[in-house]
Structure formats: structure tokens, C-alpha cells
Amino acid sequence: MANNSKRTSQLGIAPTLQSNDRIVVLTNPANTTIANTQTIVLSNFWNAIANNLPGPYANDSVANTNGIAVKNLYFDVNGFIRIRMS
């Protein structure tokens, strides 16, 4: 069997992403004896990030009236990062 290994810099660049695209994940990298390379579907990766981000969380009406300082970031209920402008 041929060795088709490539460096990361030699891989193609995806111009767009789809929810079922996969991302390479190195689990437990600090422990070289049991470090493991796996993949995760992009939609699950995003959900894991969105569900573990520290707040503040707010809906737009709350963020614009109280609780979020002007020019500060917050997360809406969909996990999108927003900034309070006024």
C-alpha cells in the first residue's frame, strides 16, 4: 500500500463548509501515550462550542436595554456572537 500521507500545509483548502463536513480533532494531546486523532462533524463541533461558551447570553432587546455594556460582546439564543452598539 502506498504512503499517501501529507502535511497539513499540503492539504487542499475548502472554499466553503457544509454541516456534514468533518474536522480533525486530536484528543488528549498532553498524554502522548494515549493521544488519539479523530474526526467530528462540523455541526456537532459548532454545537459543542456554542453549548460551552461562557456568557453573557441575551436576546437583542435585553442586550440593548440593560445587562450588556455598550461595545461589549454577547451571545444570542442561537449562539451567534453580537456586539451592543448603543
Protein backbone atom coordinates (compact mmCIF):
# COMPACT_ATOMS: atom_id res chain seq x y z
CA MET A 1 0.00 0.00 0.00
CA ALA A 2 1.34 3.42 -0.94
CA ASN A 3 2.02 6.03 1.72
CA ASN A 4 -0.22 8.96 0.77
CA SER A 5 0.45 10.97 3.92
CA LYS A 6 0.62 14.76 3.60
CA ARG A 7 1.50 17.62 5.86
CA THR A 8 -1.39 19.84 6.87
CA SER A 9 0.03 22.63 4.70
CA GLN A 10 -0.17 20.29 1.68
CA LEU A 11 -3.90 19.63 2.00
CA GLY A 12 -6.44 21.40 -0.19
CA ILE A 13 -8.36 24.39 1.13
CA ALA A 14 -12.13 24.12 1.35
CA PRO A 15 -13.77 27.29 -0.03
CA THR A 16 -17.00 26.64 1.93
CA LEU A 17 -18.20 24.40 4.72
CA GLN A 18 -21.24 22.15 4.96
CA SER A 19 -22.79 20.89 8.20
CA ASN A 20 -21.72 17.30 7.43
CA ASP A 21 -18.07 18.22 6.71
CA ARG A 22 -15.59 16.72 9.14
CA ILE A 23 -12.87 18.37 11.24
CA VAL A 24 -9.81 16.55 12.56
CA VAL A 25 -9.55 16.56 16.36
CA LEU A 26 -6.58 15.46 18.46
CA THR A 27 -7.98 14.21 21.75
CA ASN A 28 -5.86 14.13 24.90
CA PRO A 29 -2.79 15.70 23.23
CA ALA A 30 -0.98 16.20 26.55
CA ASN A 31 -0.69 12.45 27.04
CA THR A 32 1.45 11.13 24.19
CA THR A 33 0.80 7.51 25.12
CA ILE A 34 -2.97 7.75 24.62
CA ALA A 35 -3.40 10.76 22.33
CA ASN A 36 -5.88 9.92 19.60
CA THR A 37 -6.73 11.51 16.26
CA GLN A 38 -10.43 11.52 15.46
CA THR A 39 -12.91 13.49 13.38
CA ILE A 40 -16.12 15.34 14.26
CA VAL A 41 -18.92 16.55 12.01
CA LEU A 42 -18.93 20.35 11.68
CA SER A 43 -22.49 20.71 13.02
CA ASN A 44 -21.59 18.75 16.19
CA PHE A 45 -18.38 20.76 16.55
CA TRP A 46 -20.34 24.03 16.40
CA ASN A 47 -22.93 22.77 18.89
CA ALA A 48 -20.19 21.71 21.31
CA ILE A 49 -18.62 25.16 21.10
CA ALA A 50 -21.91 27.06 21.36
CA ASN A 51 -23.03 25.00 24.37
CA ASN A 52 -19.76 25.54 26.27
CA LEU A 53 -19.14 29.24 25.67
CA PRO A 54 -19.24 31.42 28.75
CA GLY A 55 -21.89 34.15 28.72
CA PRO A 56 -23.18 36.69 28.71
CA TYR A 57 -26.23 35.50 26.84
CA ALA A 58 -29.08 37.81 25.97
CA ASN A 59 -31.80 38.41 23.46
CA ASP A 60 -31.39 41.59 21.45
CA SER A 61 -33.99 43.63 23.33
CA VAL A 62 -32.41 42.82 26.72
CA ALA A 63 -28.89 43.45 25.44
CA ASN A 64 -29.86 46.88 24.13
CA THR A 65 -31.66 47.98 27.28
CA ASN A 66 -29.62 46.55 30.16
CA GLY A 67 -27.20 43.87 31.20
CA ILE A 68 -24.70 44.30 28.33
CA ALA A 69 -22.41 47.32 28.26
CA VAL A 70 -22.11 49.34 25.05
CA LYS A 71 -19.40 47.95 22.71
CA ASN A 72 -19.35 44.61 24.56
CA LEU A 73 -19.89 41.21 23.01
CA TYR A 74 -22.72 38.86 23.93
CA PHE A 75 -24.20 35.60 22.63
CA ASP A 76 -27.76 35.47 21.36
CA VAL A 77 -30.06 32.48 21.88
CA ASN A 78 -28.74 30.88 18.66
CA GLY A 79 -25.14 31.07 19.83
CA PHE A 80 -24.21 33.91 17.46
CA ILE A 81 -21.78 36.49 18.76
CA ARG A 82 -23.16 40.01 18.68
CA ILE A 83 -21.97 43.41 19.87
CA ARG A 84 -24.09 46.04 21.60
CA MET A 85 -23.73 49.23 19.61
CA SER A 86 -25.88 51.62 21.65
